[in-house]
Protein backbone atom coordinates (compact mmCIF):
# COMPACT_ATOMS: atom_id res chain seq x y z
CA UNK A 1 37.69 -0.76 1.42
CA UNK A 2 37.27 -1.27 5.15
CA UNK A 3 36.19 1.42 7.61
CA UNK A 4 35.23 2.02 11.23
CA UNK A 5 32.01 3.90 12.01
CA UNK A 6 31.36 5.27 15.49
CA UNK A 7 28.08 6.70 16.74
CA UNK A 8 27.61 8.57 20.03
CA UNK A 9 24.59 10.38 21.40
CA UNK A 10 21.65 10.45 23.75
CA UNK A 11 19.84 7.11 23.63
CA UNK A 12 16.52 6.89 21.81
CA UNK A 13 14.58 4.43 19.69
CA UNK A 14 15.69 3.94 16.08
CA UNK A 15 19.37 4.87 16.12
CA UNK A 16 20.66 1.42 15.09
CA UNK A 17 17.91 1.07 12.48
CA UNK A 18 18.62 4.50 11.02
CA UNK A 19 22.39 4.14 10.89
CA UNK A 20 22.16 0.60 9.48
CA UNK A 21 19.82 1.82 6.74
CA UNK A 22 22.22 4.66 5.86
CA UNK A 23 25.14 2.22 5.74
CA UNK A 24 23.22 0.02 3.27
CA UNK A 25 22.08 3.04 1.24
CA UNK A 26 25.72 4.05 0.76
CA UNK A 27 26.65 0.58 -0.53
CA UNK A 28 28.52 -0.56 2.56
CA UNK A 29 28.29 -3.94 4.29
CA UNK A 30 28.29 -4.32 8.08
CA UNK A 31 31.00 -6.87 8.94
CA UNK A 32 30.79 -6.44 12.72
CA UNK A 33 28.77 -4.24 15.04
CA UNK A 34 28.62 -3.49 18.75
CA UNK A 35 26.42 -1.10 20.66
CA UNK A 36 25.79 -0.28 24.27
CA UNK A 37 23.90 2.18 26.39
CA UNK A 38 25.74 3.75 29.34
CA UNK A 39 23.33 5.55 31.64
CA UNK A 40 21.34 7.50 29.02
CA UNK A 41 24.08 7.62 26.39
CA UNK A 42 24.21 5.45 23.27
CA UNK A 43 27.48 4.27 21.71
CA UNK A 44 27.93 2.11 18.63
CA UNK A 45 30.93 0.91 16.67
CA UNK A 46 30.67 -0.86 13.33
CA UNK A 47 33.25 -2.33 10.99
CA UNK A 48 32.01 -1.85 7.44
CA UNK A 49 33.40 -2.79 4.05
CA UNK A 50 32.84 -2.41 0.34
CA UNK A 51 34.40 -4.15 -2.61
CA UNK A 52 34.37 -0.78 -4.38
CA UNK A 53 36.67 2.08 -3.45
CA UNK A 54 34.77 4.84 -1.62
CA UNK A 55 35.53 8.54 -1.18
CA UNK A 56 35.97 9.01 2.59
CA UNK A 57 35.40 12.77 2.38
CA UNK A 58 32.02 12.18 0.74
CA UNK A 59 31.13 9.40 3.20
CA UNK A 60 32.14 11.60 6.14
CA UNK A 61 29.85 14.40 4.94
CA UNK A 62 26.97 11.96 4.36
CA UNK A 63 27.28 10.49 7.86
CA UNK A 64 27.74 13.87 9.57
CA UNK A 65 24.60 15.23 7.91
CA UNK A 66 22.64 12.08 8.67
CA UNK A 67 23.84 12.13 12.29
CA UNK A 68 22.36 15.61 12.64
CA UNK A 69 18.94 14.23 11.69
CA UNK A 70 19.24 11.60 14.46
CA UNK A 71 20.82 14.01 16.98
CA UNK A 72 23.94 11.82 17.23
CA UNK A 73 27.58 12.24 16.21
CA UNK A 74 28.63 9.80 13.47
CA UNK A 75 32.25 9.44 12.40
CA UNK A 76 33.82 7.22 9.74
CA UNK A 77 37.50 6.56 9.18
CA UNK A 78 39.59 4.12 7.22
CA UNK A 79 40.32 0.93 9.13
CA UNK A 80 43.97 1.30 8.06
CA UNK A 81 44.19 4.71 9.79
CA UNK A 82 42.35 3.37 12.84
CA UNK A 83 44.81 0.43 13.05
CA UNK A 84 47.82 2.74 12.66
CA UNK A 85 46.60 4.97 15.51
CA UNK A 86 46.58 2.06 17.93
CA UNK A 87 49.69 0.17 16.82
CA UNK A 88 53.13 1.26 17.92
């Protein structure tokens, strides 16, 4: 299973640490990660994977709820869907 996680919100200390910890807690591995701060806004994109099949609905709910605790918006989607959206 391969997925794309995006994180957007107001910049503050601990976002990367918090999201990375949640990713590990859910049994996912970070394959690639990029983050930047534009003005006062934080953005992060991570490619994650797992050798086990994961329920995306459950993962989506976990990340949405966790994002609320960090005051950021976290989204996860299948890498296959992400690829299909950007390939003609």
